[in-house]
N, C-alpha and C. Protein backbone atom coordinates (compact mmCIF):
# COMPACT_ATOMS: atom_id res chain seq x y z
N MET A 1 -115.92 34.33 36.35
CA MET A 1 -116.66 35.19 37.25
C MET A 1 -116.53 34.67 38.66
N ALA A 2 -116.12 35.49 39.58
CA ALA A 2 -115.93 35.09 40.96
C ALA A 2 -117.26 35.10 41.70
N ILE A 3 -117.38 34.23 42.68
CA ILE A 3 -118.57 34.20 43.52
C ILE A 3 -118.32 35.08 44.71
N SER A 4 -119.20 36.04 44.95
CA SER A 4 -119.01 36.95 46.06
C SER A 4 -119.27 36.24 47.37
N GLY A 5 -118.64 36.74 48.43
CA GLY A 5 -118.92 36.24 49.76
C GLY A 5 -118.15 34.99 50.13
N ARG A 6 -117.20 34.55 49.36
CA ARG A 6 -116.41 33.39 49.73
C ARG A 6 -114.97 33.80 49.96
N LYS A 7 -114.28 33.02 50.75
CA LYS A 7 -112.89 33.32 51.01
C LYS A 7 -112.07 33.02 49.76
N PRO A 8 -111.04 33.79 49.48
CA PRO A 8 -110.21 33.51 48.32
C PRO A 8 -109.44 32.22 48.53
N PHE A 9 -109.37 31.39 47.50
CA PHE A 9 -108.60 30.17 47.65
C PHE A 9 -107.20 30.40 47.10
N PHE A 10 -106.47 29.31 46.94
CA PHE A 10 -105.04 29.43 46.69
C PHE A 10 -104.72 30.21 45.42
N ARG A 11 -103.60 30.89 45.45
CA ARG A 11 -103.05 31.55 44.27
C ARG A 11 -101.63 31.03 44.12
N PRO A 12 -101.43 30.00 43.31
CA PRO A 12 -100.13 29.35 43.25
C PRO A 12 -99.04 30.27 42.74
N HIS A 13 -97.86 30.05 43.26
CA HIS A 13 -96.69 30.78 42.81
C HIS A 13 -95.92 29.88 41.85
N LEU A 14 -95.91 30.24 40.60
CA LEU A 14 -95.22 29.45 39.59
C LEU A 14 -93.84 30.03 39.38
N ALA A 15 -92.84 29.28 39.70
CA ALA A 15 -91.47 29.79 39.59
C ALA A 15 -90.59 28.75 38.93
N VAL A 16 -89.61 29.24 38.21
CA VAL A 16 -88.62 28.38 37.57
C VAL A 16 -87.26 28.80 38.09
N GLY A 17 -86.57 27.89 38.74
CA GLY A 17 -85.27 28.22 39.32
C GLY A 17 -84.13 27.56 38.58
N GLY A 18 -82.93 27.75 39.12
CA GLY A 18 -81.78 27.12 38.52
C GLY A 18 -81.07 28.01 37.53
N ALA A 19 -79.95 27.52 37.03
CA ALA A 19 -79.14 28.28 36.09
C ALA A 19 -79.86 28.44 34.76
N ALA A 20 -79.55 29.52 34.07
CA ALA A 20 -80.19 29.81 32.79
C ALA A 20 -79.66 28.85 31.72
N THR A 21 -80.50 27.99 31.22
CA THR A 21 -80.17 27.04 30.17
C THR A 21 -81.30 27.08 29.16
N PRO A 22 -81.10 26.54 27.94
CA PRO A 22 -82.20 26.51 26.97
C PRO A 22 -83.45 25.82 27.52
N GLY A 23 -83.23 24.72 28.28
CA GLY A 23 -84.38 24.02 28.85
C GLY A 23 -85.10 24.85 29.88
N ARG A 24 -84.34 25.55 30.73
CA ARG A 24 -84.94 26.42 31.73
C ARG A 24 -85.66 27.59 31.07
N ALA A 25 -85.08 28.11 30.01
CA ALA A 25 -85.71 29.23 29.31
C ALA A 25 -87.05 28.81 28.73
N ALA A 26 -87.10 27.60 28.16
CA ALA A 26 -88.35 27.11 27.59
C ALA A 26 -89.39 26.90 28.68
N GLU A 27 -88.94 26.39 29.84
CA GLU A 27 -89.85 26.18 30.95
C GLU A 27 -90.38 27.50 31.49
N ALA A 28 -89.50 28.49 31.55
CA ALA A 28 -89.92 29.81 32.01
C ALA A 28 -90.94 30.42 31.06
N GLU A 29 -90.73 30.24 29.77
CA GLU A 29 -91.67 30.77 28.78
C GLU A 29 -93.02 30.06 28.88
N GLN A 30 -92.99 28.75 29.13
CA GLN A 30 -94.23 28.00 29.31
C GLN A 30 -94.98 28.51 30.53
N THR A 31 -94.26 28.76 31.62
CA THR A 31 -94.89 29.27 32.83
C THR A 31 -95.51 30.64 32.58
N ARG A 32 -94.80 31.49 31.85
CA ARG A 32 -95.32 32.82 31.54
C ARG A 32 -96.60 32.73 30.73
N GLN A 33 -96.62 31.87 29.72
CA GLN A 33 -97.80 31.72 28.88
C GLN A 33 -98.97 31.15 29.69
N PHE A 34 -98.66 30.22 30.59
CA PHE A 34 -99.71 29.64 31.43
C PHE A 34 -100.34 30.71 32.29
N ARG A 35 -99.50 31.56 32.89
CA ARG A 35 -100.01 32.66 33.71
C ARG A 35 -100.93 33.56 32.90
N GLU A 36 -100.51 33.88 31.69
CA GLU A 36 -101.27 34.83 30.87
C GLU A 36 -102.56 34.24 30.33
N LEU A 37 -102.53 32.97 29.94
CA LEU A 37 -103.68 32.37 29.26
C LEU A 37 -104.66 31.68 30.20
N VAL A 38 -104.13 30.98 31.20
CA VAL A 38 -104.98 30.12 32.02
C VAL A 38 -105.30 30.71 33.38
N LEU A 39 -104.34 31.28 34.03
CA LEU A 39 -104.54 31.78 35.39
C LEU A 39 -105.68 32.79 35.51
N PRO A 40 -105.92 33.66 34.52
CA PRO A 40 -107.05 34.60 34.65
C PRO A 40 -108.41 33.92 34.77
N HIS A 41 -108.51 32.65 34.40
CA HIS A 41 -109.80 31.94 34.43
C HIS A 41 -109.96 31.09 35.68
N LEU A 42 -109.09 31.27 36.66
CA LEU A 42 -109.12 30.42 37.84
C LEU A 42 -110.39 30.63 38.66
N ASP A 43 -110.81 31.87 38.83
CA ASP A 43 -112.05 32.13 39.58
C ASP A 43 -113.27 31.57 38.86
N SER A 44 -113.27 31.69 37.54
CA SER A 44 -114.38 31.12 36.77
C SER A 44 -114.39 29.60 36.89
N ALA A 45 -113.19 29.01 36.94
CA ALA A 45 -113.11 27.56 37.11
C ALA A 45 -113.68 27.15 38.46
N TYR A 46 -113.39 27.95 39.49
CA TYR A 46 -113.97 27.66 40.80
C TYR A 46 -115.49 27.79 40.75
N ASN A 47 -115.97 28.82 40.09
CA ASN A 47 -117.42 29.01 39.98
C ASN A 47 -118.07 27.79 39.33
N PHE A 48 -117.48 27.31 38.25
CA PHE A 48 -117.99 26.12 37.56
C PHE A 48 -117.94 24.91 38.49
N ALA A 49 -116.81 24.72 39.16
CA ALA A 49 -116.67 23.58 40.07
C ALA A 49 -117.65 23.67 41.23
N ARG A 50 -117.91 24.89 41.67
CA ARG A 50 -118.83 25.09 42.80
C ARG A 50 -120.23 24.61 42.44
N TYR A 51 -120.66 24.87 41.22
CA TYR A 51 -121.97 24.42 40.79
C TYR A 51 -121.99 22.92 40.51
N LEU A 52 -120.86 22.37 40.06
CA LEU A 52 -120.80 20.93 39.82
C LEU A 52 -120.85 20.15 41.13
N THR A 53 -120.03 20.58 42.09
CA THR A 53 -119.91 19.84 43.34
C THR A 53 -120.99 20.19 44.36
N ARG A 54 -121.50 21.43 44.26
CA ARG A 54 -122.46 21.96 45.23
C ARG A 54 -121.88 21.96 46.64
N ASP A 55 -120.56 22.14 46.71
CA ASP A 55 -119.87 22.19 47.99
C ASP A 55 -118.61 23.03 47.82
N ALA A 56 -118.46 24.07 48.65
CA ALA A 56 -117.36 25.01 48.47
C ALA A 56 -116.00 24.34 48.66
N ASP A 57 -115.86 23.52 49.71
CA ASP A 57 -114.57 22.88 49.97
C ASP A 57 -114.23 21.87 48.87
N ALA A 58 -115.22 21.10 48.45
CA ALA A 58 -114.99 20.14 47.37
C ALA A 58 -114.60 20.85 46.08
N ALA A 59 -115.22 22.01 45.84
CA ALA A 59 -114.90 22.78 44.63
C ALA A 59 -113.44 23.23 44.66
N GLU A 60 -112.96 23.67 45.81
CA GLU A 60 -111.57 24.09 45.91
C GLU A 60 -110.63 22.92 45.63
N ASP A 61 -110.98 21.74 46.15
CA ASP A 61 -110.15 20.55 45.90
C ASP A 61 -110.11 20.23 44.41
N VAL A 62 -111.28 20.30 43.78
CA VAL A 62 -111.37 20.00 42.34
C VAL A 62 -110.54 20.99 41.54
N VAL A 63 -110.64 22.28 41.87
CA VAL A 63 -109.93 23.30 41.10
C VAL A 63 -108.42 23.20 41.31
N GLN A 64 -108.00 22.92 42.52
CA GLN A 64 -106.56 22.76 42.76
C GLN A 64 -106.02 21.59 41.96
N ASP A 65 -106.75 20.48 41.97
CA ASP A 65 -106.33 19.32 41.19
C ASP A 65 -106.32 19.66 39.70
N ALA A 66 -107.36 20.36 39.24
CA ALA A 66 -107.46 20.73 37.83
C ALA A 66 -106.34 21.68 37.43
N PHE A 67 -106.03 22.63 38.31
CA PHE A 67 -104.97 23.59 37.99
C PHE A 67 -103.63 22.89 37.83
N LEU A 68 -103.32 21.98 38.73
CA LEU A 68 -102.05 21.26 38.63
C LEU A 68 -102.01 20.40 37.36
N ARG A 69 -103.13 19.76 37.07
CA ARG A 69 -103.19 18.95 35.85
C ARG A 69 -103.04 19.82 34.60
N ALA A 70 -103.67 20.99 34.65
CA ALA A 70 -103.59 21.90 33.50
C ALA A 70 -102.15 22.37 33.30
N PHE A 71 -101.47 22.68 34.38
CA PHE A 71 -100.09 23.15 34.27
C PHE A 71 -99.19 22.06 33.70
N ARG A 72 -99.40 20.83 34.15
CA ARG A 72 -98.59 19.72 33.65
C ARG A 72 -98.91 19.42 32.19
N ALA A 73 -100.18 19.63 31.82
CA ALA A 73 -100.60 19.32 30.45
C ALA A 73 -100.39 20.48 29.49
N PHE A 74 -100.00 21.62 30.00
CA PHE A 74 -99.91 22.82 29.17
C PHE A 74 -98.97 22.66 27.96
N PRO A 75 -97.88 21.90 28.07
CA PRO A 75 -97.04 21.71 26.88
C PRO A 75 -97.79 21.09 25.70
N ASP A 76 -98.90 20.39 25.99
CA ASP A 76 -99.70 19.77 24.93
C ASP A 76 -100.85 20.66 24.47
N TYR A 77 -101.01 21.83 25.09
CA TYR A 77 -102.07 22.76 24.69
C TYR A 77 -101.78 23.27 23.28
N ARG A 78 -102.78 23.16 22.42
CA ARG A 78 -102.59 23.50 21.00
C ARG A 78 -103.44 24.70 20.58
N GLY A 79 -103.70 25.58 21.48
CA GLY A 79 -104.48 26.76 21.13
C GLY A 79 -105.96 26.55 21.38
N GLY A 80 -106.77 27.46 20.89
CA GLY A 80 -108.19 27.43 21.18
C GLY A 80 -108.50 28.25 22.41
N ALA A 81 -109.73 28.20 22.86
CA ALA A 81 -110.16 28.99 24.01
C ALA A 81 -109.59 28.40 25.29
N PRO A 82 -108.69 29.10 25.98
CA PRO A 82 -108.09 28.54 27.19
C PRO A 82 -109.10 28.30 28.30
N LYS A 83 -110.14 29.12 28.36
CA LYS A 83 -111.16 28.94 29.39
C LYS A 83 -111.88 27.61 29.21
N ALA A 84 -112.28 27.32 27.98
CA ALA A 84 -112.97 26.06 27.70
C ALA A 84 -112.04 24.88 27.95
N TRP A 85 -110.76 25.05 27.60
CA TRP A 85 -109.76 23.99 27.83
C TRP A 85 -109.63 23.70 29.32
N LEU A 86 -109.54 24.75 30.14
CA LEU A 86 -109.43 24.58 31.58
C LEU A 86 -110.70 23.97 32.15
N PHE A 87 -111.85 24.41 31.66
CA PHE A 87 -113.12 23.88 32.16
C PHE A 87 -113.24 22.38 31.88
N ALA A 88 -112.73 21.94 30.74
CA ALA A 88 -112.78 20.51 30.43
C ALA A 88 -111.98 19.72 31.46
N ILE A 89 -110.85 20.27 31.89
CA ILE A 89 -110.04 19.60 32.91
C ILE A 89 -110.76 19.63 34.26
N VAL A 90 -111.38 20.76 34.58
CA VAL A 90 -112.16 20.85 35.83
C VAL A 90 -113.26 19.80 35.84
N ARG A 91 -113.95 19.69 34.73
CA ARG A 91 -115.05 18.73 34.65
C ARG A 91 -114.54 17.29 34.82
N ASN A 92 -113.42 16.97 34.19
CA ASN A 92 -112.86 15.63 34.33
C ASN A 92 -112.43 15.35 35.77
N CYS A 93 -111.86 16.36 36.41
CA CYS A 93 -111.45 16.19 37.81
C CYS A 93 -112.67 15.97 38.70
N PHE A 94 -113.73 16.69 38.41
CA PHE A 94 -114.97 16.51 39.18
C PHE A 94 -115.51 15.09 39.00
N LEU A 95 -115.56 14.62 37.75
CA LEU A 95 -116.07 13.27 37.49
C LEU A 95 -115.18 12.23 38.16
N ASN A 96 -113.88 12.42 38.13
CA ASN A 96 -112.97 11.49 38.77
C ASN A 96 -113.18 11.46 40.28
N SER A 97 -113.35 12.63 40.88
CA SER A 97 -113.56 12.68 42.33
C SER A 97 -114.89 12.04 42.71
N THR A 98 -115.87 12.19 41.83
CA THR A 98 -117.18 11.58 42.09
C THR A 98 -117.07 10.06 42.05
N ARG A 99 -116.36 9.56 41.05
CA ARG A 99 -116.17 8.11 40.96
C ARG A 99 -115.39 7.60 42.16
N ALA A 100 -114.40 8.37 42.61
CA ALA A 100 -113.58 7.95 43.74
C ALA A 100 -114.42 7.81 45.00
N ARG A 101 -115.43 8.64 45.13
CA ARG A 101 -116.31 8.56 46.30
C ARG A 101 -117.42 7.53 46.11
N LYS A 102 -117.40 6.86 44.98
CA LYS A 102 -118.40 5.83 44.68
C LYS A 102 -119.81 6.37 44.81
N SER A 103 -119.98 7.60 44.33
CA SER A 103 -121.32 8.21 44.42
C SER A 103 -121.79 8.70 43.07
N SER A 104 -121.24 8.12 42.00
CA SER A 104 -121.61 8.61 40.67
C SER A 104 -123.09 8.43 40.39
N ALA A 105 -123.70 7.47 41.08
CA ALA A 105 -125.13 7.25 40.86
C ALA A 105 -125.96 8.42 41.34
N ASN A 106 -125.35 9.24 42.21
CA ASN A 106 -126.09 10.38 42.75
C ASN A 106 -125.86 11.66 41.97
N VAL A 107 -125.01 11.61 40.94
CA VAL A 107 -124.70 12.82 40.20
C VAL A 107 -125.90 13.29 39.41
N LEU A 108 -126.61 12.34 38.76
CA LEU A 108 -127.79 12.71 37.98
C LEU A 108 -129.02 12.55 38.86
N VAL A 109 -129.79 13.59 38.99
CA VAL A 109 -131.03 13.54 39.74
C VAL A 109 -132.19 13.78 38.81
N GLU A 110 -133.28 13.14 39.10
CA GLU A 110 -134.42 13.19 38.19
C GLU A 110 -135.34 14.38 38.48
N GLU A 111 -135.43 14.79 39.72
CA GLU A 111 -136.36 15.84 40.07
C GLU A 111 -135.69 16.85 40.98
N CYS A 112 -136.20 18.05 40.98
CA CYS A 112 -135.72 19.08 41.91
C CYS A 112 -136.90 19.95 42.28
N GLU A 113 -136.85 20.50 43.45
CA GLU A 113 -137.92 21.39 43.88
C GLU A 113 -137.36 22.47 44.77
N LEU A 114 -138.00 23.57 44.77
CA LEU A 114 -137.59 24.74 45.54
C LEU A 114 -138.35 24.75 46.86
N SER A 115 -137.63 24.88 47.96
CA SER A 115 -138.28 24.90 49.25
C SER A 115 -139.03 26.21 49.45
N ASP A 116 -139.94 26.21 50.41
CA ASP A 116 -140.69 27.43 50.71
C ASP A 116 -139.75 28.53 51.17
N ALA A 117 -138.73 28.17 51.95
CA ALA A 117 -137.78 29.17 52.44
C ALA A 117 -137.03 29.82 51.29
N GLN A 118 -136.64 29.01 50.30
CA GLN A 118 -135.94 29.56 49.14
C GLN A 118 -136.86 30.45 48.32
N SER A 119 -138.12 30.04 48.19
CA SER A 119 -139.07 30.85 47.44
C SER A 119 -139.25 32.22 48.08
N LEU A 120 -139.35 32.23 49.41
CA LEU A 120 -139.50 33.50 50.11
C LEU A 120 -138.24 34.36 49.99
N ALA A 121 -137.08 33.70 50.05
CA ALA A 121 -135.83 34.45 49.97
C ALA A 121 -135.65 35.09 48.62
N LEU A 122 -136.27 34.50 47.59
CA LEU A 122 -136.10 35.00 46.23
C LEU A 122 -137.29 35.86 45.77
N ALA A 123 -138.11 36.25 46.70
CA ALA A 123 -139.30 37.02 46.33
C ALA A 123 -138.95 38.34 45.67
N ASN A 124 -137.86 38.96 46.10
CA ASN A 124 -137.45 40.24 45.54
C ASN A 124 -135.96 40.23 45.27
N ILE A 125 -135.58 40.69 44.09
CA ILE A 125 -134.18 40.85 43.72
C ILE A 125 -133.92 42.32 43.57
N SER A 126 -132.97 42.86 44.31
CA SER A 126 -132.75 44.31 44.33
C SER A 126 -132.10 44.81 43.05
N ASP A 127 -132.26 46.10 42.80
CA ASP A 127 -131.66 46.76 41.65
C ASP A 127 -130.22 47.13 41.96
N PRO A 128 -129.20 46.51 41.29
CA PRO A 128 -127.81 46.79 41.62
C PRO A 128 -127.37 48.18 41.22
N ASP A 129 -128.16 48.89 40.40
CA ASP A 129 -127.77 50.22 39.97
C ASP A 129 -127.98 51.28 41.05
N GLN A 130 -128.82 50.99 42.03
CA GLN A 130 -129.10 51.96 43.07
C GLN A 130 -129.10 51.25 44.42
N GLU A 131 -127.91 50.82 44.83
CA GLU A 131 -127.79 50.03 46.04
C GLU A 131 -127.32 50.86 47.23
N THR A 132 -128.05 50.74 48.32
CA THR A 132 -127.57 51.22 49.59
C THR A 132 -126.85 50.04 50.25
N PRO A 133 -126.11 50.26 51.34
CA PRO A 133 -125.50 49.12 52.03
C PRO A 133 -126.51 48.05 52.42
N GLU A 134 -127.70 48.48 52.83
CA GLU A 134 -128.73 47.52 53.19
C GLU A 134 -129.18 46.71 51.97
N GLU A 135 -129.32 47.41 50.84
CA GLU A 135 -129.74 46.72 49.61
C GLU A 135 -128.65 45.76 49.14
N ASP A 136 -127.40 46.15 49.33
CA ASP A 136 -126.29 45.28 48.95
C ASP A 136 -126.33 44.00 49.77
N LEU A 137 -126.63 44.12 51.05
CA LEU A 137 -126.73 42.93 51.89
C LEU A 137 -127.87 42.04 51.43
N ILE A 138 -128.99 42.65 51.09
CA ILE A 138 -130.12 41.88 50.58
C ILE A 138 -129.76 41.16 49.29
N ARG A 139 -129.04 41.89 48.40
CA ARG A 139 -128.64 41.29 47.14
C ARG A 139 -127.73 40.09 47.36
N GLN A 140 -126.83 40.20 48.34
CA GLN A 140 -125.95 39.08 48.63
C GLN A 140 -126.75 37.87 49.11
N ARG A 141 -127.77 38.15 49.90
CA ARG A 141 -128.62 37.05 50.35
C ARG A 141 -129.40 36.46 49.18
N ASP A 142 -129.87 37.33 48.28
CA ASP A 142 -130.58 36.85 47.10
C ASP A 142 -129.66 35.98 46.24
N ALA A 143 -128.41 36.43 46.10
CA ALA A 143 -127.45 35.67 45.30
C ALA A 143 -127.22 34.30 45.90
N THR A 144 -127.12 34.23 47.22
CA THR A 144 -126.94 32.95 47.88
C THR A 144 -128.13 32.03 47.63
N ALA A 145 -129.32 32.60 47.74
CA ALA A 145 -130.53 31.81 47.49
C ALA A 145 -130.62 31.37 46.04
N LEU A 146 -130.24 32.28 45.13
CA LEU A 146 -130.29 31.95 43.71
C LEU A 146 -129.31 30.84 43.37
N ARG A 147 -128.13 30.89 43.97
CA ARG A 147 -127.17 29.81 43.75
C ARG A 147 -127.74 28.47 44.22
N ALA A 148 -128.46 28.53 45.35
CA ALA A 148 -129.07 27.30 45.87
C ALA A 148 -130.10 26.75 44.90
N VAL A 149 -130.85 27.64 44.25
CA VAL A 149 -131.84 27.20 43.25
C VAL A 149 -131.14 26.54 42.07
N ILE A 150 -130.11 27.19 41.55
CA ILE A 150 -129.38 26.64 40.40
C ILE A 150 -128.77 25.29 40.75
N GLU A 151 -128.23 25.19 41.98
CA GLU A 151 -127.60 23.94 42.38
C GLU A 151 -128.60 22.79 42.48
N ASN A 152 -129.88 23.12 42.58
CA ASN A 152 -130.91 22.08 42.65
C ASN A 152 -131.44 21.66 41.29
N LEU A 153 -130.95 22.27 40.23
CA LEU A 153 -131.33 21.81 38.89
C LEU A 153 -130.67 20.46 38.63
N PRO A 154 -131.31 19.58 37.86
CA PRO A 154 -130.66 18.32 37.49
C PRO A 154 -129.32 18.58 36.81
N GLU A 155 -128.36 17.71 37.05
CA GLU A 155 -126.96 17.95 36.69
C GLU A 155 -126.70 18.40 35.25
N PRO A 156 -127.20 17.69 34.23
CA PRO A 156 -126.84 18.15 32.87
C PRO A 156 -127.39 19.52 32.53
N PHE A 157 -128.54 19.87 33.10
CA PHE A 157 -129.13 21.18 32.84
C PHE A 157 -128.42 22.27 33.64
N ARG A 158 -128.07 21.94 34.89
CA ARG A 158 -127.32 22.89 35.72
C ARG A 158 -125.98 23.22 35.06
N GLU A 159 -125.29 22.21 34.63
CA GLU A 159 -123.98 22.40 34.00
C GLU A 159 -124.09 23.28 32.75
N THR A 160 -125.05 22.99 31.89
CA THR A 160 -125.22 23.75 30.67
C THR A 160 -125.60 25.20 30.96
N LEU A 161 -126.49 25.40 31.92
CA LEU A 161 -126.91 26.75 32.28
C LEU A 161 -125.73 27.58 32.80
N VAL A 162 -124.94 26.99 33.67
CA VAL A 162 -123.80 27.71 34.24
C VAL A 162 -122.78 28.06 33.16
N LEU A 163 -122.49 27.10 32.29
CA LEU A 163 -121.49 27.34 31.24
C LEU A 163 -121.93 28.41 30.26
N ARG A 164 -123.22 28.45 29.95
CA ARG A 164 -123.71 29.40 28.97
C ARG A 164 -124.06 30.76 29.58
N GLU A 165 -124.88 30.75 30.63
CA GLU A 165 -125.40 32.00 31.16
C GLU A 165 -124.42 32.72 32.09
N LEU A 166 -123.68 31.98 32.89
CA LEU A 166 -122.77 32.60 33.83
C LEU A 166 -121.35 32.72 33.29
N GLU A 167 -120.86 31.67 32.65
CA GLU A 167 -119.49 31.70 32.14
C GLU A 167 -119.41 32.10 30.67
N GLU A 168 -120.55 32.18 30.00
CA GLU A 168 -120.66 32.72 28.65
C GLU A 168 -119.83 31.97 27.61
N LEU A 169 -119.76 30.65 27.75
CA LEU A 169 -119.13 29.85 26.72
C LEU A 169 -120.08 29.72 25.53
N SER A 170 -119.53 29.50 24.36
CA SER A 170 -120.35 29.34 23.16
C SER A 170 -120.98 27.95 23.16
N TYR A 171 -122.01 27.79 22.31
CA TYR A 171 -122.64 26.47 22.18
C TYR A 171 -121.61 25.44 21.72
N ARG A 172 -120.76 25.83 20.80
CA ARG A 172 -119.75 24.91 20.28
C ARG A 172 -118.77 24.50 21.37
N GLU A 173 -118.36 25.45 22.21
CA GLU A 173 -117.43 25.14 23.30
C GLU A 173 -118.08 24.22 24.32
N ILE A 174 -119.36 24.47 24.63
CA ILE A 174 -120.06 23.61 25.58
C ILE A 174 -120.22 22.21 25.01
N ALA A 175 -120.54 22.12 23.74
CA ALA A 175 -120.70 20.82 23.10
C ALA A 175 -119.40 20.02 23.16
N ALA A 176 -118.28 20.69 22.87
CA ALA A 176 -116.99 20.01 22.92
C ALA A 176 -116.64 19.61 24.34
N LEU A 177 -116.92 20.47 25.30
CA LEU A 177 -116.58 20.22 26.69
C LEU A 177 -117.37 19.05 27.27
N THR A 178 -118.65 18.98 26.93
CA THR A 178 -119.53 17.95 27.51
C THR A 178 -119.69 16.73 26.61
N SER A 179 -119.05 16.76 25.43
CA SER A 179 -119.16 15.65 24.47
C SER A 179 -120.61 15.40 24.08
N ALA A 180 -121.34 16.49 23.89
CA ALA A 180 -122.75 16.40 23.50
C ALA A 180 -122.97 17.16 22.20
N PRO A 181 -123.89 16.72 21.35
CA PRO A 181 -124.21 17.48 20.13
C PRO A 181 -124.70 18.88 20.47
N ILE A 182 -124.48 19.81 19.55
CA ILE A 182 -124.91 21.18 19.78
C ILE A 182 -126.44 21.23 20.00
N GLY A 183 -127.16 20.42 19.26
CA GLY A 183 -128.61 20.38 19.44
C GLY A 183 -129.00 19.98 20.85
N THR A 184 -128.26 19.04 21.43
CA THR A 184 -128.52 18.62 22.80
C THR A 184 -128.22 19.75 23.78
N VAL A 185 -127.12 20.46 23.52
CA VAL A 185 -126.76 21.60 24.36
C VAL A 185 -127.87 22.64 24.35
N MET A 186 -128.36 22.96 23.17
CA MET A 186 -129.42 23.97 23.04
C MET A 186 -130.69 23.50 23.73
N SER A 187 -131.01 22.21 23.61
CA SER A 187 -132.21 21.67 24.25
C SER A 187 -132.08 21.72 25.77
N ARG A 188 -130.90 21.34 26.28
CA ARG A 188 -130.68 21.38 27.72
C ARG A 188 -130.76 22.80 28.25
N LEU A 189 -130.19 23.73 27.50
CA LEU A 189 -130.21 25.13 27.94
C LEU A 189 -131.64 25.66 27.99
N ALA A 190 -132.42 25.36 26.96
CA ALA A 190 -133.81 25.82 26.93
C ALA A 190 -134.59 25.24 28.11
N ARG A 191 -134.38 23.97 28.39
CA ARG A 191 -135.10 23.35 29.50
C ARG A 191 -134.62 23.90 30.84
N ALA A 192 -133.31 24.14 30.95
CA ALA A 192 -132.78 24.69 32.20
C ALA A 192 -133.34 26.07 32.46
N ARG A 193 -133.39 26.89 31.40
CA ARG A 193 -133.96 28.23 31.55
C ARG A 193 -135.42 28.16 31.99
N GLN A 194 -136.15 27.22 31.40
CA GLN A 194 -137.56 27.10 31.74
C GLN A 194 -137.73 26.66 33.19
N MET A 195 -136.93 25.67 33.61
CA MET A 195 -137.03 25.20 35.00
C MET A 195 -136.68 26.32 35.97
N LEU A 196 -135.64 27.08 35.65
CA LEU A 196 -135.23 28.17 36.53
C LEU A 196 -136.33 29.22 36.64
N CYS A 197 -136.92 29.57 35.51
CA CYS A 197 -137.99 30.57 35.52
C CYS A 197 -139.24 30.04 36.20
N ASP A 198 -139.53 28.75 36.06
CA ASP A 198 -140.68 28.17 36.75
C ASP A 198 -140.50 28.27 38.26
N MET A 199 -139.24 28.14 38.71
CA MET A 199 -138.95 28.22 40.14
C MET A 199 -139.02 29.66 40.66
N LEU A 200 -138.45 30.57 39.87
CA LEU A 200 -138.30 31.93 40.35
C LEU A 200 -139.39 32.87 39.88
N LEU A 201 -139.79 32.70 38.62
CA LEU A 201 -140.76 33.61 38.02
C LEU A 201 -141.86 32.80 37.35
N PRO A 202 -142.75 32.20 38.10
CA PRO A 202 -143.80 31.38 37.51
C PRO A 202 -144.53 32.13 36.40
N GLY A 203 -144.59 31.48 35.22
CA GLY A 203 -145.25 32.10 34.08
C GLY A 203 -144.38 33.09 33.36
N GLY A 204 -143.10 33.21 33.75
CA GLY A 204 -142.20 34.19 33.15
C GLY A 204 -141.55 33.71 31.87
N ASP A 205 -140.82 34.62 31.25
CA ASP A 205 -140.13 34.34 30.00
C ASP A 205 -138.81 33.66 30.30
N PRO A 206 -138.52 32.45 29.73
CA PRO A 206 -137.27 31.77 29.99
C PRO A 206 -136.04 32.61 29.64
N SER A 207 -136.16 33.51 28.68
CA SER A 207 -135.00 34.32 28.30
C SER A 207 -134.58 35.25 29.44
N ALA A 208 -135.44 35.45 30.42
CA ALA A 208 -135.10 36.31 31.55
C ALA A 208 -134.03 35.71 32.43
N SER A 209 -133.71 34.42 32.24
CA SER A 209 -132.70 33.79 33.08
C SER A 209 -131.35 34.46 32.94
N SER A 210 -131.08 35.07 31.79
CA SER A 210 -129.80 35.74 31.60
C SER A 210 -129.66 36.92 32.54
N GLY A 211 -130.77 37.48 33.00
CA GLY A 211 -130.71 38.59 33.93
C GLY A 211 -130.22 38.22 35.30
N PHE A 212 -130.26 36.92 35.64
CA PHE A 212 -129.80 36.48 36.94
C PHE A 212 -128.29 36.56 37.06
N ARG A 213 -127.61 36.71 35.93
CA ARG A 213 -126.15 36.76 35.94
C ARG A 213 -125.65 37.89 36.82
N GLU A 214 -126.30 39.04 36.75
CA GLU A 214 -125.87 40.20 37.55
C GLU A 214 -126.06 39.96 39.03
N THR A 215 -127.08 39.19 39.40
CA THR A 215 -127.32 38.93 40.81
C THR A 215 -126.18 38.13 41.42
N LEU A 216 -125.52 37.31 40.61
CA LEU A 216 -124.48 36.44 41.11
C LEU A 216 -123.10 37.06 41.05
N ARG A 217 -122.96 38.28 40.60
CA ARG A 217 -121.65 38.93 40.52
C ARG A 217 -121.21 39.41 41.90
């Protein structure tokens, strides 16, 4: 799922040159399969990286690194969900970049809070089914504020919420991607939903968090 309101980042041109040989033919077929299986998930990978890094430029760096690594590793791809496979590479690239900046201690945060300005910005979420240009502008502002709220969730809960609610990965895929038991994934998701609803809809139903997906489209 692409994030609205951002500039499009790179769209690599994958080409295989040279004379036609069995080796070149195999490389061309690999490139074709990569385009078909992995490239469609590039915007979703950016969306995931954007929530991990909480910085648009850093997210682009992570995704570019992940894309190149994925292309190089594609000969070892053995099937399964290509989106989850790509996300695992994105996550590893993010963790590597965090370690490189010697700031891994700041990745996990214990507390988060919503500012008064964010609370006011999220007071009303417009109905996308009946949007005027003015309402569309308001919705874009709401989406920006909502992203800010999600980005302030503690890291393991933010990651799980984004993977499940926005990117719609299965519990099993999230468990494999994060190296966490399925029970832990479910617990993190439930807590993330509750924290999000406490911020946005005090006293609301945690299951309503899935409705925020449309605001971010």
